[in-house]
Amino acid sequence: MSTEELTPEEIEANWTKYRTMLEKLGSRTETALTMVTALEERLCLAPASGRTDYHNAFPGGLVDHSLRVLGNAAKLCKTFGWDVPKDSLILACLFHDLGKVGDVENDYYVPQDEQWRIDKYGALYKINMEMQYMAVPQRSLFLCQHFGLKLTQDETLAILLHDGQYVEANKDYCFKEPLLADIVALADVIACKQEKGKL
């Protein structure tokens, strides 16, 4: 997909693919689809970041990014022969950044209303300060819990630790995290670099 913007047709195609992948979650498919249906318009159009020098800072960027993470994770598993449950891979990749949609009612990213921030920093969006503060991985887990989507221990840690060792809070897990967490973190880094045109 484009690294700068998506057409309405690309957004729709991504959304269809996203939902189709969730149909492969077995007994958890119905719950996952109920959650994304409840968040549908917001999730479908959510950006993956707020600034143009980050990644996918445009409508539909979050779903596009999540699908790219899943694609990268599948390639890593195939290349290295890593055997992880397919449903866990899909769930952890597609929901690792789910918290960027916001909470149950409010958007995480809202349009930037200060033109100088747009001009100077490329900050097209800002974080919605009306919401209770919560880091993205924790908000992703909260949304899954809120909608009754049961996660395994490995899936929980893969979502929680998807920023890998780039985040100080994750340091205690170094070399103690499950393989799924490593796969998602690596696939995420690769996706961000792809989206920024660095790979």
Protein backbone atom coordinates (compact mmCIF):
# COMPACT_ATOMS: atom_id res chain seq x y z
CA MET A 1 0.00 0.00 0.00
CA SER A 2 0.94 3.65 -0.25
CA THR A 3 3.30 5.04 2.37
CA GLU A 4 1.60 8.44 2.26
CA GLU A 5 -2.13 7.98 1.91
CA LEU A 6 -4.78 5.40 1.06
CA THR A 7 -7.63 5.73 -1.41
CA PRO A 8 -11.17 4.94 -0.22
CA GLU A 9 -10.95 1.74 -2.25
CA GLU A 10 -7.72 0.70 -0.51
CA ILE A 11 -9.24 1.45 2.90
CA GLU A 12 -12.26 -0.70 2.04
CA ALA A 13 -10.09 -3.54 0.69
CA ASN A 14 -7.94 -3.48 3.84
CA TRP A 15 -11.01 -3.56 6.04
CA THR A 16 -12.40 -6.56 4.16
CA LYS A 17 -9.07 -8.38 4.48
CA TYR A 18 -8.83 -7.49 8.19
CA ARG A 19 -12.27 -8.95 8.91
CA THR A 20 -11.55 -12.01 6.75
CA MET A 21 -8.42 -12.75 8.78
CA LEU A 22 -10.46 -12.58 11.99
CA GLU A 23 -12.73 -15.31 10.62
CA LYS A 24 -9.78 -17.68 11.13
CA LEU A 25 -9.82 -17.37 14.93
CA GLY A 26 -11.92 -20.48 15.48
CA SER A 27 -14.06 -20.30 18.62
CA ARG A 28 -13.01 -16.67 19.16
CA THR A 29 -14.10 -15.44 15.73
CA GLU A 30 -17.55 -14.30 16.80
CA THR A 31 -16.24 -12.28 19.76
CA ALA A 32 -13.46 -10.70 17.70
CA LEU A 33 -15.89 -9.73 14.93
CA THR A 34 -18.34 -8.33 17.49
CA MET A 35 -15.55 -6.13 18.86
CA VAL A 36 -14.37 -4.80 15.51
CA THR A 37 -17.96 -4.26 14.38
CA ALA A 38 -18.58 -2.14 17.48
CA LEU A 39 -15.44 -0.12 16.69
CA GLU A 40 -15.87 -0.36 12.91
CA GLU A 41 -15.96 3.21 11.61
CA ARG A 42 -13.37 4.44 14.07
CA LEU A 43 -11.06 1.45 13.62
CA CYS A 44 -11.40 1.41 9.85
CA LEU A 45 -10.32 5.07 9.58
CA ALA A 46 -7.87 5.35 12.49
CA PRO A 47 -4.30 6.49 11.71
CA ALA A 48 -1.38 4.45 13.02
CA SER A 49 0.45 7.53 14.30
CA GLY A 50 -0.01 11.26 14.67
CA ARG A 51 2.95 12.66 12.75
CA THR A 52 4.09 12.40 9.16
CA ASP A 53 7.66 11.53 10.24
CA TYR A 54 6.35 8.48 12.12
CA HIS A 55 4.34 5.93 10.14
CA ASN A 56 0.94 5.68 8.48
CA ALA A 57 -0.34 9.02 9.82
CA PHE A 58 -3.41 8.99 7.60
CA PRO A 59 -6.98 7.63 7.63
CA GLY A 60 -6.91 3.85 7.46
CA GLY A 61 -3.29 3.76 8.55
CA LEU A 62 -3.86 1.57 11.61
CA VAL A 63 -5.55 -1.30 9.77
CA ASP A 64 -3.00 -1.04 6.95
CA HIS A 65 -0.16 -1.22 9.49
CA SER A 66 -1.70 -4.13 11.40
CA LEU A 67 -2.11 -6.16 8.20
CA ARG A 68 1.51 -5.42 7.28
CA VAL A 69 2.65 -6.62 10.71
CA LEU A 70 0.71 -9.85 10.20
CA GLY A 71 2.21 -10.34 6.74
CA ASN A 72 5.72 -9.81 8.09
CA ALA A 73 5.08 -12.15 11.02
CA ALA A 74 3.88 -14.90 8.67
CA LYS A 75 7.02 -14.48 6.54
CA LEU A 76 9.26 -14.65 9.61
CA CYS A 77 7.56 -17.84 10.80
CA LYS A 78 7.90 -19.44 7.39
CA THR A 79 11.53 -18.38 6.96
CA PHE A 80 12.71 -19.56 10.36
CA GLY A 81 10.34 -22.49 10.73
CA TRP A 82 8.80 -21.05 13.88
CA ASP A 83 5.72 -22.97 14.94
CA VAL A 84 3.18 -20.73 16.65
CA PRO A 85 -0.60 -21.15 16.62
CA LYS A 86 -2.05 -19.40 13.58
CA ASP A 87 -4.93 -17.90 15.55
CA SER A 88 -2.51 -16.46 18.11
CA LEU A 89 -0.39 -14.91 15.36
CA ILE A 90 -3.43 -13.31 13.72
CA LEU A 91 -4.88 -12.04 16.97
CA ALA A 92 -1.64 -10.63 18.39
CA CYS A 93 -0.67 -8.91 15.12
CA LEU A 94 -4.05 -7.44 14.26
CA PHE A 95 -4.75 -6.26 17.81
CA HIS A 96 -1.25 -5.22 18.97
CA ASP A 97 -2.07 -1.53 18.34
CA LEU A 98 -5.83 -1.73 18.81
CA GLY A 99 -5.56 0.83 21.61
CA LYS A 100 -4.85 3.47 18.95
CA VAL A 101 -8.55 3.40 18.08
CA GLY A 102 -9.18 4.93 21.53
CA ASP A 103 -11.45 3.71 24.29
CA VAL A 104 -14.97 2.35 23.93
CA GLU A 105 -16.38 5.75 22.95
CA ASN A 106 -13.55 8.19 22.20
CA ASP A 107 -10.91 8.41 19.49
CA TYR A 108 -7.26 8.16 20.56
CA TYR A 109 -6.09 10.47 17.78
CA VAL A 110 -8.04 13.63 16.99
CA PRO A 111 -7.25 16.17 14.26
CA GLN A 112 -4.56 18.70 15.16
CA ASP A 113 -6.08 22.15 15.62
CA GLU A 114 -2.82 24.13 15.84
CA GLN A 115 -1.53 24.86 12.35
CA TRP A 116 2.00 25.63 13.55
CA ARG A 117 2.32 22.07 14.90
CA ILE A 118 1.25 20.73 11.53
CA ASP A 119 3.70 23.02 9.71
CA LYS A 120 6.66 22.53 12.05
CA TYR A 121 6.27 18.92 13.15
CA GLY A 122 3.92 17.33 10.62
CA ALA A 123 1.61 16.63 13.57
CA LEU A 124 -1.62 15.94 11.71
CA TYR A 125 -3.21 14.43 14.81
CA LYS A 126 -2.91 14.84 18.55
CA ILE A 127 -3.73 12.48 21.39
CA ASN A 128 -7.20 13.00 22.82
CA MET A 129 -6.54 14.36 26.30
CA GLU A 130 -10.20 13.92 27.28
CA MET A 131 -9.62 10.19 27.72
CA GLN A 132 -8.21 8.45 30.76
CA TYR A 133 -4.47 8.10 30.17
CA MET A 134 -3.46 4.57 29.27
CA ALA A 135 -0.53 3.35 27.18
CA VAL A 136 -1.48 1.83 23.82
CA PRO A 137 -0.64 -1.82 24.70
CA GLN A 138 -2.66 -1.65 27.92
CA ARG A 139 -5.57 -0.01 26.09
CA SER A 140 -5.42 -2.75 23.46
CA LEU A 141 -5.70 -5.35 26.22
CA PHE A 142 -8.48 -3.37 27.92
CA LEU A 143 -10.55 -3.33 24.72
CA CYS A 144 -10.13 -7.08 24.27
CA GLN A 145 -11.19 -7.61 27.88
CA HIS A 146 -14.11 -5.19 27.58
CA PHE A 147 -15.55 -7.09 24.64
CA GLY A 148 -14.93 -10.48 26.26
CA LEU A 149 -12.16 -11.66 23.93
CA LYS A 150 -10.14 -14.23 25.87
CA LEU A 151 -6.39 -14.13 25.31
CA THR A 152 -3.77 -16.71 26.09
CA GLN A 153 -0.81 -15.77 28.23
CA ASP A 154 1.45 -15.61 25.16
CA GLU A 155 -1.04 -13.43 23.26
CA THR A 156 -1.35 -11.07 26.21
CA LEU A 157 2.42 -10.70 26.43
CA ALA A 158 2.78 -10.31 22.65
CA ILE A 159 0.39 -7.34 22.72
CA LEU A 160 1.87 -5.91 25.92
CA LEU A 161 5.48 -6.19 24.70
CA HIS A 162 5.02 -5.40 21.00
CA ASP A 163 7.35 -2.39 21.23
CA GLY A 164 10.09 -4.82 22.25
CA GLN A 165 13.06 -3.52 24.17
CA TYR A 166 12.60 -0.02 22.76
CA VAL A 167 10.38 0.66 25.78
CA GLU A 168 11.92 0.87 29.24
CA ALA A 169 8.88 -0.79 30.81
CA ASN A 170 9.63 -3.95 28.83
CA LYS A 171 13.21 -4.40 30.04
CA ASP A 172 12.30 -6.87 32.79
CA TYR A 173 10.98 -9.26 30.13
CA CYS A 174 14.25 -9.34 28.17
CA PHE A 175 15.01 -12.99 27.23
CA LYS A 176 11.96 -14.10 29.25
CA GLU A 177 9.27 -13.22 26.70
CA PRO A 178 7.50 -15.91 24.65
CA LEU A 179 8.42 -16.43 21.00
CA LEU A 180 5.11 -14.92 19.88
CA ALA A 181 6.07 -11.63 21.55
CA ASP A 182 9.40 -11.59 19.72
CA ILE A 183 7.71 -12.30 16.39
CA VAL A 184 5.17 -9.51 16.79
CA ALA A 185 7.80 -7.02 17.99
CA LEU A 186 10.13 -7.80 15.08
CA ALA A 187 7.30 -7.77 12.52
CA ASP A 188 6.16 -4.42 13.93
CA VAL A 189 9.63 -2.84 13.62
CA ILE A 190 9.95 -4.08 10.06
CA ALA A 191 6.48 -2.74 9.19
CA CYS A 192 7.26 0.70 10.64
CA LYS A 193 10.47 0.88 8.62
CA GLN A 194 8.65 -0.24 5.47
CA GLU A 195 6.00 2.42 6.00
CA LYS A 196 8.64 5.09 6.51
CA GLY A 197 10.37 4.02 3.29
CA LYS A 198 13.46 2.73 5.09
CA LEU A 199 13.14 -0.87 3.83
